[in-house]
């Protein structure tokens, strides 16, 4: 299992009581590191760590989870706290739309226009994130990733609805990392012109991180919207983050 929190270095060894004198080795002078942009570096590290946490929600990083919606000993209400997001900026991506919380900044990967232009038939490298937005301090991240449905569940048929990946409980093994505490799992049905589309919603915590995740399927692709933050931040901004994740719609 991938661990995203920093692992502290081991304690330094205790020197012996009578250390033998050693001849110091001459080392070239090391360049001085400027500390003027320490806040920027810290924010970048936080953002990248939180973003990696979202990537880890997909099966490419974690084995099949053993947790389920019933696994939480103390489930917490999730959909009871939802904000009205109609006034928020609506971002339109490739086959989806999502509302962005106020003051969140677009931190999506820059496009690599040279990718796929090789004359030697190199494949185009897929983008890690279809969309990614972060709070000013970088602790809270709202992202969308898109994965081929057959990469999540082996099938020769094109998945047209999230239910093709299994029931809410069965799909939890795909979307929820091993060792998570599941707070809530819900099925959400949205009326469309041709009927209803099903969305799966999960809220869970793992390694001091809290996440709300919404997944839906369309045209053989699975769209996964996730909002993540440290648990201490979620206590204050959970409604906002949960609302952002639930605001994703498949077009």
C-alpha atoms as a PDB file:
ATOM      1  CA  UNK A   1       0.000   0.000   0.000  1.00  0.00           C
ATOM      2  CA  UNK A   2       1.288   3.402  -0.894  1.00  0.00           C
ATOM      3  CA  UNK A   3       1.845   5.680   2.079  1.00  0.00           C
ATOM      4  CA  UNK A   4       1.673   9.354   1.249  1.00  0.00           C
ATOM      5  CA  UNK A   5       2.568  10.864   4.597  1.00  0.00           C
ATOM      6  CA  UNK A   6       6.228  11.590   5.164  1.00  0.00           C
ATOM      7  CA  UNK A   7       8.088   8.878   7.022  1.00  0.00           C
ATOM      8  CA  UNK A   8      10.272  10.377   9.703  1.00  0.00           C
ATOM      9  CA  UNK A   9      13.933   9.333   9.521  1.00  0.00           C
ATOM     10  CA  UNK A  10      15.093   6.875  12.214  1.00  0.00           C
ATOM     11  CA  UNK A  11      16.642   8.240  15.359  1.00  0.00           C
ATOM     12  CA  UNK A  12      20.375   8.897  14.955  1.00  0.00           C
ATOM     13  CA  UNK A  13      22.598   6.253  16.565  1.00  0.00           C
ATOM     14  CA  UNK A  14      23.916   7.009  20.039  1.00  0.00           C
ATOM     15  CA  UNK A  15      27.685   7.680  19.867  1.00  0.00           C
ATOM     16  CA  UNK A  16      29.965   5.452  21.980  1.00  0.00           C
ATOM     17  CA  UNK A  17      31.312   6.713  25.283  1.00  0.00           C
ATOM     18  CA  UNK A  18      34.927   6.782  24.048  1.00  0.00           C
ATOM     19  CA  UNK A  19      34.822   7.404  20.356  1.00  0.00           C
ATOM     20  CA  UNK A  20      38.040   6.830  18.483  1.00  0.00           C
ATOM     21  CA  UNK A  21      39.560   9.964  16.999  1.00  0.00           C
ATOM     22  CA  UNK A  22      39.155  10.090  13.294  1.00  0.00           C
ATOM     23  CA  UNK A  23      40.695  12.315  10.709  1.00  0.00           C
ATOM     24  CA  UNK A  24      38.040  14.625   9.319  1.00  0.00           C
ATOM     25  CA  UNK A  25      37.454  14.304   5.614  1.00  0.00           C
ATOM     26  CA  UNK A  26      37.646  17.404   3.509  1.00  0.00           C
ATOM     27  CA  UNK A  27      34.457  18.019   1.560  1.00  0.00           C
ATOM     28  CA  UNK A  28      33.864  20.678  -1.045  1.00  0.00           C
ATOM     29  CA  UNK A  29      31.746  23.611   0.047  1.00  0.00           C
ATOM     30  CA  UNK A  30      28.032  23.085  -0.482  1.00  0.00           C
ATOM     31  CA  UNK A  31      25.857  25.687  -2.172  1.00  0.00           C
ATOM     32  CA  UNK A  32      23.691  27.742   0.114  1.00  0.00           C
ATOM     33  CA  UNK A  33      19.973  27.103  -0.326  1.00  0.00           C
ATOM     34  CA  UNK A  34      17.857  30.213  -0.386  1.00  0.00           C
ATOM     35  CA  UNK A  35      14.923  30.194   2.004  1.00  0.00           C
ATOM     36  CA  UNK A  36      13.046  33.163   0.624  1.00  0.00           C
ATOM     37  CA  UNK A  37      10.506  30.965  -1.148  1.00  0.00           C
ATOM     38  CA  UNK A  38      10.002  28.442   1.660  1.00  0.00           C
ATOM     39  CA  UNK A  39       6.274  29.135   1.807  1.00  0.00           C
ATOM     40  CA  UNK A  40       5.944  28.429  -1.913  1.00  0.00           C
ATOM     41  CA  UNK A  41       7.887  25.186  -1.588  1.00  0.00           C
ATOM     42  CA  UNK A  42       5.789  24.103   1.373  1.00  0.00           C
ATOM     43  CA  UNK A  43       2.561  24.815  -0.490  1.00  0.00           C
ATOM     44  CA  UNK A  44       3.817  22.881  -3.521  1.00  0.00           C
ATOM     45  CA  UNK A  45       4.694  19.892  -1.358  1.00  0.00           C
ATOM     46  CA  UNK A  46       1.295  19.921   0.329  1.00  0.00           C
ATOM     47  CA  UNK A  47      -0.484  20.169  -2.991  1.00  0.00           C
ATOM     48  CA  UNK A  48       1.480  17.336  -4.551  1.00  0.00           C
ATOM     49  CA  UNK A  49       0.994  15.098  -1.508  1.00  0.00           C
ATOM     50  CA  UNK A  50      -2.754  15.722  -1.451  1.00  0.00           C
ATOM     51  CA  UNK A  51      -3.012  15.166  -5.183  1.00  0.00           C
ATOM     52  CA  UNK A  52      -1.156  11.875  -4.892  1.00  0.00           C
ATOM     53  CA  UNK A  53      -3.699  10.880  -2.279  1.00  0.00           C
ATOM     54  CA  UNK A  54      -6.440  11.313  -4.875  1.00  0.00           C
ATOM     55  CA  UNK A  55      -4.523   9.284  -7.431  1.00  0.00           C
ATOM     56  CA  UNK A  56      -4.213   6.551  -4.818  1.00  0.00           C
ATOM     57  CA  UNK A  57      -7.987   6.266  -4.741  1.00  0.00           C
ATOM     58  CA  UNK A  58      -7.845   4.551  -8.132  1.00  0.00           C
ATOM     59  CA  UNK A  59      -7.005   0.851  -8.480  1.00  0.00           C
ATOM     60  CA  UNK A  60      -3.696   1.538 -10.230  1.00  0.00           C
ATOM     61  CA  UNK A  61      -2.163   2.429  -6.872  1.00  0.00           C
ATOM     62  CA  UNK A  62      -4.034   0.221  -4.408  1.00  0.00           C
ATOM     63  CA  UNK A  63      -5.001  -3.444  -4.452  1.00  0.00           C
ATOM     64  CA  UNK A  64      -8.655  -4.323  -4.107  1.00  0.00           C
ATOM     65  CA  UNK A  65      -9.958  -2.920  -0.853  1.00  0.00           C
ATOM     66  CA  UNK A  66     -11.329  -5.155   1.863  1.00  0.00           C
ATOM     67  CA  UNK A  67     -13.450  -2.410   3.380  1.00  0.00           C
ATOM     68  CA  UNK A  68     -17.118  -1.990   2.572  1.00  0.00           C
ATOM     69  CA  UNK A  69     -19.886   0.516   3.324  1.00  0.00           C
ATOM     70  CA  UNK A  70     -20.776  -1.550   6.375  1.00  0.00           C
ATOM     71  CA  UNK A  71     -17.199  -1.606   7.668  1.00  0.00           C
ATOM     72  CA  UNK A  72     -17.383   1.587   9.694  1.00  0.00           C
ATOM     73  CA  UNK A  73     -18.058   1.041  13.365  1.00  0.00           C
ATOM     74  CA  UNK A  74     -19.218   4.638  13.807  1.00  0.00           C
ATOM     75  CA  UNK A  75     -20.729   5.815  10.517  1.00  0.00           C
ATOM     76  CA  UNK A  76     -21.156   9.547  10.138  1.00  0.00           C
ATOM     77  CA  UNK A  77     -23.871  11.338   8.190  1.00  0.00           C
ATOM     78  CA  UNK A  78     -22.581  12.624   4.860  1.00  0.00           C
ATOM     79  CA  UNK A  79     -25.300  13.810   2.521  1.00  0.00           C
ATOM     80  CA  UNK A  80     -27.002  15.700   5.344  1.00  0.00           C
ATOM     81  CA  UNK A  81     -24.445  18.489   4.879  1.00  0.00           C
ATOM     82  CA  UNK A  82     -24.591  19.787   1.315  1.00  0.00           C
ATOM     83  CA  UNK A  83     -24.111  23.388   0.203  1.00  0.00           C
ATOM     84  CA  UNK A  84     -25.870  25.115  -2.671  1.00  0.00           C
ATOM     85  CA  UNK A  85     -23.216  25.279  -5.393  1.00  0.00           C
ATOM     86  CA  UNK A  86     -25.159  27.089  -8.115  1.00  0.00           C
ATOM     87  CA  UNK A  87     -23.193  30.307  -7.543  1.00  0.00           C
ATOM     88  CA  UNK A  88     -19.845  28.505  -7.848  1.00  0.00           C
ATOM     89  CA  UNK A  89     -17.810  28.510 -11.041  1.00  0.00           C
ATOM     90  CA  UNK A  90     -18.672  25.488 -13.197  1.00  0.00           C
ATOM     91  CA  UNK A  91     -15.739  23.861 -14.952  1.00  0.00           C
ATOM     92  CA  UNK A  92     -16.448  21.884 -18.129  1.00  0.00           C
ATOM     93  CA  UNK A  93     -14.005  19.101 -18.911  1.00  0.00           C
ATOM     94  CA  UNK A  94     -13.847  16.201 -21.329  1.00  0.00           C
ATOM     95  CA  UNK A  95     -17.271  14.650 -20.839  1.00  0.00           C
ATOM     96  CA  UNK A  96     -18.014  16.082 -17.405  1.00  0.00           C
ATOM     97  CA  UNK A  97     -18.699  19.248 -15.455  1.00  0.00           C
ATOM     98  CA  UNK A  98     -17.941  20.104 -11.844  1.00  0.00           C
ATOM     99  CA  UNK A  99     -18.464  23.082  -9.534  1.00  0.00           C
ATOM    100  CA  UNK A 100     -15.357  24.666  -8.035  1.00  0.00           C
ATOM    101  CA  UNK A 101     -15.391  26.091  -4.484  1.00  0.00           C
ATOM    102  CA  UNK A 102     -14.749  29.850  -4.208  1.00  0.00           C
ATOM    103  CA  UNK A 103     -11.077  30.908  -4.092  1.00  0.00           C
ATOM    104  CA  UNK A 104      -9.883  27.510  -5.318  1.00  0.00           C
ATOM    105  CA  UNK A 105      -7.188  27.785  -7.985  1.00  0.00           C
ATOM    106  CA  UNK A 106      -6.779  25.733 -11.144  1.00  0.00           C
ATOM    107  CA  UNK A 107      -3.619  23.663 -10.650  1.00  0.00           C
ATOM    108  CA  UNK A 108      -4.092  21.243 -13.543  1.00  0.00           C
ATOM    109  CA  UNK A 109      -1.090  19.804 -15.307  1.00  0.00           C
ATOM    110  CA  UNK A 110       0.175  21.876 -18.228  1.00  0.00           C
ATOM    111  CA  UNK A 111      -0.565  20.419 -21.627  1.00  0.00           C
ATOM    112  CA  UNK A 112       2.336  18.713 -23.344  1.00  0.00           C
ATOM    113  CA  UNK A 113       1.729  19.653 -26.944  1.00  0.00           C
ATOM    114  CA  UNK A 114       4.699  17.600 -28.155  1.00  0.00           C
ATOM    115  CA  UNK A 115       3.364  14.359 -26.728  1.00  0.00           C
ATOM    116  CA  UNK A 116       2.108  12.025 -29.397  1.00  0.00           C
ATOM    117  CA  UNK A 117       3.731  13.971 -32.269  1.00  0.00           C
ATOM    118  CA  UNK A 118       6.611  11.553 -32.661  1.00  0.00           C
ATOM    119  CA  UNK A 119       7.065   9.968 -36.061  1.00  0.00           C
ATOM    120  CA  UNK A 120       7.923   6.697 -34.375  1.00  0.00           C
ATOM    121  CA  UNK A 121       4.416   5.976 -33.190  1.00  0.00           C
ATOM    122  CA  UNK A 122       4.792   6.842 -29.515  1.00  0.00           C
ATOM    123  CA  UNK A 123       1.503   6.646 -27.685  1.00  0.00           C
ATOM    124  CA  UNK A 124       0.017   9.781 -26.214  1.00  0.00           C
ATOM    125  CA  UNK A 125       0.607   9.860 -22.477  1.00  0.00           C
ATOM    126  CA  UNK A 126      -2.744  10.209 -20.686  1.00  0.00           C
ATOM    127  CA  UNK A 127      -3.160  13.094 -18.285  1.00  0.00           C
ATOM    128  CA  UNK A 128      -3.128  12.147 -14.636  1.00  0.00           C
ATOM    129  CA  UNK A 129      -5.928  14.580 -13.835  1.00  0.00           C
ATOM    130  CA  UNK A 130      -8.774  15.689 -16.048  1.00  0.00           C
ATOM    131  CA  UNK A 131      -9.211  18.626 -13.653  1.00  0.00           C
ATOM    132  CA  UNK A 132      -7.564  19.719 -10.422  1.00  0.00           C
ATOM    133  CA  UNK A 133      -8.261  22.672  -8.132  1.00  0.00           C
ATOM    134  CA  UNK A 134      -6.711  23.547  -4.781  1.00  0.00           C
ATOM    135  CA  UNK A 135      -7.363  25.893  -1.894  1.00  0.00           C
ATOM    136  CA  UNK A 136      -4.947  28.833  -1.502  1.00  0.00           C
ATOM    137  CA  UNK A 137      -2.903  26.947   1.112  1.00  0.00           C
ATOM    138  CA  UNK A 138      -2.855  23.736  -0.952  1.00  0.00           C
ATOM    139  CA  UNK A 139      -4.271  21.546   1.814  1.00  0.00           C
ATOM    140  CA  UNK A 140      -7.650  20.985   0.166  1.00  0.00           C
ATOM    141  CA  UNK A 141      -7.880  19.568  -3.344  1.00  0.00           C
ATOM    142  CA  UNK A 142     -10.782  18.834  -5.687  1.00  0.00           C
ATOM    143  CA  UNK A 143      -9.849  16.659  -8.656  1.00  0.00           C
ATOM    144  CA  UNK A 144     -11.346  14.581 -11.432  1.00  0.00           C
ATOM    145  CA  UNK A 145      -9.708  11.551 -12.997  1.00  0.00           C
ATOM    146  CA  UNK A 146     -10.972   9.515 -15.947  1.00  0.00           C
ATOM    147  CA  UNK A 147     -10.211   5.825 -16.389  1.00  0.00           C
ATOM    148  CA  UNK A 148     -11.342   3.257 -18.958  1.00  0.00           C
ATOM    149  CA  UNK A 149     -13.973   1.152 -17.230  1.00  0.00           C
ATOM    150  CA  UNK A 150     -12.417  -2.094 -18.427  1.00  0.00           C
ATOM    151  CA  UNK A 151      -9.246  -1.163 -16.519  1.00  0.00           C
ATOM    152  CA  UNK A 152     -11.256  -1.180 -13.301  1.00  0.00           C
ATOM    153  CA  UNK A 153     -13.163  -4.378 -13.977  1.00  0.00           C
ATOM    154  CA  UNK A 154     -12.315  -6.914 -16.654  1.00  0.00           C
ATOM    155  CA  UNK A 155     -15.202  -7.082 -19.099  1.00  0.00           C
ATOM    156  CA  UNK A 156     -15.645  -7.391 -22.829  1.00  0.00           C
ATOM    157  CA  UNK A 157     -18.757  -5.234 -22.798  1.00  0.00           C
ATOM    158  CA  UNK A 158     -18.695  -1.447 -22.759  1.00  0.00           C
ATOM    159  CA  UNK A 159     -19.838  -0.163 -19.386  1.00  0.00           C
ATOM    160  CA  UNK A 160     -22.715   2.253 -19.794  1.00  0.00           C
ATOM    161  CA  UNK A 161     -23.588   2.797 -16.135  1.00  0.00           C
ATOM    162  CA  UNK A 162     -21.742   2.578 -12.848  1.00  0.00           C
ATOM    163  CA  UNK A 163     -23.883  -0.434 -11.948  1.00  0.00           C
ATOM    164  CA  UNK A 164     -22.026  -2.357 -14.662  1.00  0.00           C
ATOM    165  CA  UNK A 165     -19.042  -2.312 -12.286  1.00  0.00           C
ATOM    166  CA  UNK A 166     -21.124  -3.918  -9.558  1.00  0.00           C
ATOM    167  CA  UNK A 167     -23.400  -2.892  -6.725  1.00  0.00           C
ATOM    168  CA  UNK A 168     -22.570  -0.037  -4.366  1.00  0.00           C
ATOM    169  CA  UNK A 169     -20.933  -2.521  -1.991  1.00  0.00           C
ATOM    170  CA  UNK A 170     -19.088  -4.411  -4.730  1.00  0.00           C
ATOM    171  CA  UNK A 171     -17.773  -1.218  -6.351  1.00  0.00           C
ATOM    172  CA  UNK A 172     -16.436  -0.072  -2.987  1.00  0.00           C
ATOM    173  CA  UNK A 173     -13.708  -2.677  -3.485  1.00  0.00           C
ATOM    174  CA  UNK A 174     -12.638  -0.712  -6.571  1.00  0.00           C
ATOM    175  CA  UNK A 175     -12.803   2.853  -5.306  1.00  0.00           C
ATOM    176  CA  UNK A 176     -11.966   2.696  -1.583  1.00  0.00           C
ATOM    177  CA  UNK A 177      -8.350   2.024  -0.500  1.00  0.00           C
ATOM    178  CA  UNK A 178      -7.462  -0.809   1.815  1.00  0.00           C
ATOM    179  CA  UNK A 179      -7.549   0.146   5.474  1.00  0.00           C
ATOM    180  CA  UNK A 180     -10.040   2.994   5.073  1.00  0.00           C
ATOM    181  CA  UNK A 181     -12.737   3.838   7.577  1.00  0.00           C
ATOM    182  CA  UNK A 182     -15.944   4.162   5.577  1.00  0.00           C
ATOM    183  CA  UNK A 183     -18.286   6.830   6.899  1.00  0.00           C
ATOM    184  CA  UNK A 184     -20.954   6.668   4.244  1.00  0.00           C
ATOM    185  CA  UNK A 185     -21.863   5.086   0.921  1.00  0.00           C
ATOM    186  CA  UNK A 186     -24.857   6.162  -1.121  1.00  0.00           C
ATOM    187  CA  UNK A 187     -26.417   5.622  -4.531  1.00  0.00           C
ATOM    188  CA  UNK A 188     -27.488   8.836  -6.262  1.00  0.00           C
ATOM    189  CA  UNK A 189     -29.751   8.809  -9.312  1.00  0.00           C
ATOM    190  CA  UNK A 190     -29.892  11.848 -11.592  1.00  0.00           C
ATOM    191  CA  UNK A 191     -32.691  12.218 -14.127  1.00  0.00           C
ATOM    192  CA  UNK A 192     -31.522  12.758 -17.700  1.00  0.00           C
ATOM    193  CA  UNK A 193     -33.298  12.958 -21.050  1.00  0.00           C
ATOM    194  CA  UNK A 194     -32.958   9.231 -21.682  1.00  0.00           C
ATOM    195  CA  UNK A 195     -33.700   8.130 -18.133  1.00  0.00           C
ATOM    196  CA  UNK A 196     -31.682   8.045 -14.934  1.00  0.00           C
ATOM    197  CA  UNK A 197     -27.920   7.924 -14.479  1.00  0.00           C
ATOM    198  CA  UNK A 198     -26.518   6.316 -11.348  1.00  0.00           C
ATOM    199  CA  UNK A 199     -23.685   7.833  -9.318  1.00  0.00           C
ATOM    200  CA  UNK A 200     -21.914   6.125  -6.432  1.00  0.00           C
ATOM    201  CA  UNK A 201     -20.882   8.283  -3.480  1.00  0.00           C
ATOM    202  CA  UNK A 202     -18.363   7.258  -0.832  1.00  0.00           C
ATOM    203  CA  UNK A 203     -16.938   9.160   2.096  1.00  0.00           C
ATOM    204  CA  UNK A 204     -14.068   7.700   4.064  1.00  0.00           C
ATOM    205  CA  UNK A 205     -10.898   8.451   5.977  1.00  0.00           C
ATOM    206  CA  UNK A 206      -7.417   6.993   5.800  1.00  0.00           C
ATOM    207  CA  UNK A 207      -4.097   8.037   7.339  1.00  0.00           C
ATOM    208  CA  UNK A 208      -5.387  11.350   8.769  1.00  0.00           C
ATOM    209  CA  UNK A 209      -6.902  12.225   5.381  1.00  0.00           C
ATOM    210  CA  UNK A 210     -10.608  12.582   4.687  1.00  0.00           C
ATOM    211  CA  UNK A 211     -12.129  12.112   1.250  1.00  0.00           C
ATOM    212  CA  UNK A 212     -15.457  12.319  -0.548  1.00  0.00           C
ATOM    213  CA  UNK A 213     -15.636  10.488  -3.844  1.00  0.00           C
ATOM    214  CA  UNK A 214     -18.264  10.340  -6.576  1.00  0.00           C
ATOM    215  CA  UNK A 215     -18.032   7.983  -9.539  1.00  0.00           C
ATOM    216  CA  UNK A 216     -20.115   7.567 -12.679  1.00  0.00           C
ATOM    217  CA  UNK A 217     -19.755   5.794 -16.015  1.00  0.00           C
ATOM    218  CA  UNK A 218     -20.453   6.935 -19.546  1.00  0.00           C
ATOM    219  CA  UNK A 219     -19.326   5.538 -22.883  1.00  0.00           C
ATOM    220  CA  UNK A 220     -16.958   3.003 -21.377  1.00  0.00           C
ATOM    221  CA  UNK A 221     -15.198   5.600 -19.221  1.00  0.00           C
ATOM    222  CA  UNK A 222     -15.364   5.988 -15.453  1.00  0.00           C
ATOM    223  CA  UNK A 223     -15.363   9.547 -14.118  1.00  0.00           C
ATOM    224  CA  UNK A 224     -14.136   9.900 -10.538  1.00  0.00           C
ATOM    225  CA  UNK A 225     -14.435  13.188  -8.651  1.00  0.00           C
ATOM    226  CA  UNK A 226     -12.660  13.393  -5.330  1.00  0.00           C
ATOM    227  CA  UNK A 227     -12.343  16.049  -2.660  1.00  0.00           C
ATOM    228  CA  UNK A 228      -9.569  15.484  -0.122  1.00  0.00           C
ATOM    229  CA  UNK A 229      -8.230  17.289   2.929  1.00  0.00           C
ATOM    230  CA  UNK A 230      -6.575  16.542   6.257  1.00  0.00           C
ATOM    231  CA  UNK A 231      -9.119  15.518   8.867  1.00  0.00           C
ATOM    232  CA  UNK A 232      -8.448  18.711  10.827  1.00  0.00           C
ATOM    233  CA  UNK A 233      -9.414  20.770   7.767  1.00  0.00           C
ATOM    234  CA  UNK A 234     -12.424  18.623   6.974  1.00  0.00           C
ATOM    235  CA  UNK A 235     -13.990  19.441  10.298  1.00  0.00           C
ATOM    236  CA  UNK A 236     -14.429  23.033   9.104  1.00  0.00           C
ATOM    237  CA  UNK A 237     -14.689  22.675   5.313  1.00  0.00           C
ATOM    238  CA  UNK A 238     -16.206  19.226   4.882  1.00  0.00           C
ATOM    239  CA  UNK A 239     -19.555  20.518   3.644  1.00  0.00           C
ATOM    240  CA  UNK A 240     -17.864  22.595   0.952  1.00  0.00           C
ATOM    241  CA  UNK A 241     -15.599  19.780  -0.193  1.00  0.00           C
ATOM    242  CA  UNK A 242     -18.326  17.151  -0.138  1.00  0.00           C
ATOM    243  CA  UNK A 243     -20.572  19.457  -2.159  1.00  0.00           C
ATOM    244  CA  UNK A 244     -17.860  19.968  -4.757  1.00  0.00           C
ATOM    245  CA  UNK A 245     -17.450  16.228  -5.279  1.00  0.00           C
ATOM    246  CA  UNK A 246     -21.189  15.634  -5.530  1.00  0.00           C
ATOM    247  CA  UNK A 247     -21.553  18.468  -8.016  1.00  0.00           C
ATOM    248  CA  UNK A 248     -19.821  16.453 -10.748  1.00  0.00           C
ATOM    249  CA  UNK A 249     -22.123  15.557 -13.621  1.00  0.00           C
ATOM    250  CA  UNK A 250     -21.367  13.351 -16.622  1.00  0.00           C
ATOM    251  CA  UNK A 251     -22.271  15.040 -19.895  1.00  0.00           C
END
